[in-house]
Amino acid sequence: MEGKKGMIQINLLPWRQQARLAKKKRLISAAIVFAVFTLFIILLCHLYISAHLNQAEESTNYLQAQINQEQIALNDMSNQEQERNTVKSQLYFIKNLIIKNYRTVGLLNELIKVVPTNITINRIIRSGSSIAISGIANSDEDITLFIQALAKSSYFKQPTLTLINQKSTSGNKEFEIGVEQRDSISP
């Protein structure tokens, strides 16, 4: 038993404490390595997403530039269309003016042909296709001949005597005739 008494007693407490410290250092080192690795992964993800965002922004800017160019072209086309419509309306106005002038000249030329020599025209009023002719005639027969000539004319239709008065001093007849201008007359 004496051998038992000679046994050395070893204190394991410092060794356990050193083992704990080493384990704690390894854990802290592993945590730091994991944190650095995580930050590295986050940085890579950030760079990847940032690159894609920049590429998407460049694509968006390019598409916006193309849209702006197309909008400018569309506005130019719209302006050209407006100018074309303006020119069309001006041409339409000029055409109608020419037709109106032609019809006025035709009206006067036709009146020269159908007015008997014993009739004097004092006034011609035109409103649209309606024409009012006022004048003086020597007799009722001259007025009748004038109305018949208007009815036979290719330029006039539906002549109507609207007024006839005898002038007291000269014996002449004042008259007013309403007539319609035919639509089929054109330049």
Protein backbone atom coordinates (compact mmCIF):
# COMPACT_ATOMS: atom_id res chain seq x y z
CA MET A 1 0.00 0.00 0.00
CA GLU A 2 2.87 1.99 0.30
CA GLY A 3 2.99 2.18 -3.45
CA LYS A 4 -0.28 3.80 -3.42
CA LYS A 5 1.04 6.42 -1.14
CA GLY A 6 3.87 7.10 -3.51
CA MET A 7 1.67 7.98 -6.34
CA ILE A 8 1.99 11.48 -7.62
CA GLN A 9 -1.01 13.51 -7.66
CA ILE A 10 -1.45 15.39 -10.90
CA ASN A 11 -3.56 18.48 -11.00
CA LEU A 12 -5.52 18.47 -14.30
CA LEU A 13 -7.21 21.78 -13.70
CA PRO A 14 -4.65 23.96 -15.60
CA TRP A 15 -4.65 21.53 -18.51
CA ARG A 16 -8.44 21.69 -18.76
CA GLN A 17 -8.31 25.45 -18.59
CA GLN A 18 -5.75 25.53 -21.40
CA ALA A 19 -7.91 23.10 -23.42
CA ARG A 20 -10.91 25.37 -22.85
CA LEU A 21 -8.93 28.44 -23.96
CA ALA A 22 -7.66 26.60 -27.06
CA LYS A 23 -11.21 25.49 -27.87
CA LYS A 24 -12.45 29.05 -27.31
CA LYS A 25 -9.70 30.42 -29.61
CA ARG A 26 -10.60 27.86 -32.30
CA LEU A 27 -14.28 28.82 -31.96
CA ILE A 28 -13.48 32.54 -32.21
CA SER A 29 -11.17 31.85 -35.17
CA ALA A 30 -13.89 29.78 -36.85
CA ALA A 31 -16.44 32.56 -36.17
CA ILE A 32 -14.08 35.16 -37.62
CA VAL A 33 -13.38 33.00 -40.69
CA PHE A 34 -17.12 32.38 -41.11
CA ALA A 35 -17.88 36.12 -40.72
CA VAL A 36 -15.16 37.04 -43.26
CA PHE A 37 -16.41 34.33 -45.63
CA THR A 38 -20.00 35.59 -45.18
CA LEU A 39 -18.91 39.18 -45.82
CA PHE A 40 -16.99 37.99 -48.90
CA ILE A 41 -20.10 36.18 -50.20
CA ILE A 42 -22.25 39.26 -49.48
CA LEU A 43 -19.69 41.43 -51.29
CA LEU A 44 -19.74 39.09 -54.29
CA CYS A 45 -23.55 39.11 -54.34
CA HIS A 46 -23.54 42.90 -54.07
CA LEU A 47 -21.09 43.22 -56.96
CA TYR A 48 -23.07 40.74 -59.06
CA ILE A 49 -26.40 42.51 -58.41
CA SER A 50 -24.77 45.93 -58.91
CA ALA A 51 -23.37 44.82 -62.28
CA HIS A 52 -26.80 43.56 -63.35
CA LEU A 53 -28.43 46.78 -62.18
CA ASN A 54 -25.90 48.84 -64.13
CA GLN A 55 -26.51 46.70 -67.20
CA ALA A 56 -30.28 47.05 -66.77
CA GLU A 57 -29.91 50.81 -66.32
CA GLU A 58 -27.80 51.04 -69.49
CA SER A 59 -30.44 49.01 -71.35
CA THR A 60 -33.16 51.27 -69.98
CA ASN A 61 -31.22 54.38 -71.01
CA TYR A 62 -30.66 52.94 -74.50
CA LEU A 63 -34.34 52.04 -74.84
CA GLN A 64 -35.35 55.49 -73.56
CA ALA A 65 -33.05 57.11 -76.14
CA GLN A 66 -34.64 54.98 -78.86
CA ILE A 67 -38.13 55.88 -77.62
CA ASN A 68 -37.18 59.56 -77.64
CA GLN A 69 -35.91 59.27 -81.22
CA GLU A 70 -39.10 57.50 -82.28
CA GLN A 71 -41.17 60.14 -80.47
CA ILE A 72 -39.31 62.88 -82.34
CA ALA A 73 -39.95 61.06 -85.63
CA LEU A 74 -43.61 60.61 -84.68
CA ASN A 75 -43.91 64.30 -83.80
CA ASP A 76 -42.32 65.19 -87.15
CA MET A 77 -44.80 62.94 -88.90
CA SER A 78 -47.64 64.51 -86.94
CA ASN A 79 -46.41 67.99 -87.87
CA GLN A 80 -46.15 66.92 -91.51
CA GLU A 81 -49.69 65.53 -91.30
CA GLN A 82 -50.92 68.83 -89.85
CA GLU A 83 -49.10 70.76 -92.56
CA ARG A 84 -50.57 68.45 -95.18
CA ASN A 85 -54.06 68.98 -93.74
CA THR A 86 -53.47 72.74 -93.72
CA VAL A 87 -52.38 72.64 -97.35
CA LYS A 88 -55.39 70.45 -98.19
CA SER A 89 -57.78 72.89 -96.53
CA GLN A 90 -56.13 75.81 -98.35
CA LEU A 91 -56.40 73.95 -101.66
CA TYR A 92 -60.02 73.13 -100.89
CA PHE A 93 -60.67 76.80 -100.13
CA ILE A 94 -58.97 77.88 -103.37
CA LYS A 95 -60.87 75.25 -105.35
CA ASN A 96 -64.18 76.39 -103.88
CA LEU A 97 -63.22 80.00 -104.57
CA ILE A 98 -62.45 79.14 -108.20
CA ILE A 99 -65.74 77.24 -108.51
CA LYS A 100 -67.62 80.13 -106.91
CA ASN A 101 -65.93 82.62 -109.24
CA TYR A 102 -66.63 80.37 -112.21
CA ARG A 103 -70.25 80.10 -111.20
CA THR A 104 -70.46 83.88 -110.80
CA VAL A 105 -68.92 84.46 -114.22
CA GLY A 106 -71.16 81.76 -115.66
CA LEU A 107 -74.17 83.40 -114.02
CA LEU A 108 -73.35 86.76 -115.58
CA ASN A 109 -72.57 85.22 -119.00
CA GLU A 110 -75.84 83.30 -118.97
CA LEU A 111 -77.80 86.39 -117.91
CA ILE A 112 -76.34 88.28 -120.87
CA LYS A 113 -77.69 85.53 -123.14
CA VAL A 114 -81.21 85.27 -121.65
CA VAL A 115 -82.07 88.90 -120.82
CA PRO A 116 -84.26 90.40 -123.58
CA THR A 117 -83.22 93.77 -124.99
CA ASN A 118 -86.26 95.55 -123.50
CA ILE A 119 -85.30 94.61 -119.91
CA THR A 120 -82.85 96.45 -117.67
CA ILE A 121 -81.37 94.53 -114.72
CA ASN A 122 -80.92 96.78 -111.65
CA ARG A 123 -79.80 94.32 -109.00
CA ILE A 124 -78.67 90.70 -108.66
CA ILE A 125 -78.50 89.15 -105.20
CA ARG A 126 -77.08 85.66 -104.76
CA SER A 127 -77.38 83.67 -101.54
CA GLY A 128 -76.05 80.14 -101.95
CA SER A 129 -77.80 78.74 -105.00
CA SER A 130 -80.76 81.17 -104.75
CA ILE A 131 -80.64 84.25 -106.97
CA ALA A 132 -82.93 87.28 -106.84
CA ILE A 133 -83.00 89.43 -110.01
CA SER A 134 -84.59 92.89 -109.95
CA GLY A 135 -85.13 95.11 -112.97
CA ILE A 136 -87.39 97.16 -115.21
CA ALA A 137 -89.25 95.93 -118.30
CA ASN A 138 -91.27 97.71 -120.96
CA SER A 139 -94.15 95.24 -120.77
CA ASP A 140 -95.49 92.07 -119.15
CA GLU A 141 -94.60 90.17 -122.31
CA ASP A 142 -90.92 91.05 -121.89
CA ILE A 143 -91.01 89.72 -118.32
CA THR A 144 -92.71 86.54 -119.55
CA LEU A 145 -90.07 86.06 -122.25
CA PHE A 146 -87.36 86.58 -119.65
CA ILE A 147 -88.89 83.96 -117.30
CA GLN A 148 -89.22 81.49 -120.20
CA ALA A 149 -85.58 82.08 -121.21
CA LEU A 150 -84.49 81.47 -117.60
CA ALA A 151 -86.52 78.23 -117.48
CA LYS A 152 -84.92 76.97 -120.74
CA SER A 153 -81.41 77.86 -119.58
CA SER A 154 -79.03 75.09 -118.57
CA TYR A 155 -77.73 77.35 -115.80
CA PHE A 156 -80.99 78.24 -114.01
CA LYS A 157 -83.99 76.30 -112.73
CA GLN A 158 -87.38 77.13 -111.20
CA PRO A 159 -87.76 80.83 -112.07
CA THR A 160 -90.53 82.49 -110.05
CA LEU A 161 -91.97 85.95 -110.42
CA THR A 162 -92.05 87.37 -106.88
CA LEU A 163 -92.91 91.02 -107.56
CA ILE A 164 -94.33 93.10 -110.40
CA ASN A 165 -95.30 96.79 -110.12
CA GLN A 166 -96.22 99.43 -112.67
CA LYS A 167 -94.21 102.62 -112.54
CA SER A 168 -96.68 105.48 -112.63
CA THR A 169 -94.60 107.97 -114.60
CA SER A 170 -93.04 105.96 -117.42
CA GLY A 171 -95.44 103.03 -117.76
CA ASN A 172 -92.59 100.54 -117.31
CA LYS A 173 -92.92 97.51 -115.03
CA GLU A 174 -90.66 96.89 -112.02
CA PHE A 175 -90.18 93.19 -111.37
CA GLU A 176 -88.33 90.78 -109.16
CA ILE A 177 -87.67 87.18 -110.12
CA GLY A 178 -86.34 84.44 -107.88
CA VAL A 179 -84.43 81.63 -109.52
CA GLU A 180 -82.27 78.69 -108.42
CA GLN A 181 -78.84 78.01 -109.85
CA ARG A 182 -78.34 74.46 -111.11
CA ASP A 183 -75.84 72.35 -109.13
CA SER A 184 -74.49 70.43 -112.12
CA ILE A 185 -72.59 73.43 -113.51
CA SER A 186 -68.86 73.03 -112.86
CA PRO A 187 -65.60 74.38 -114.31
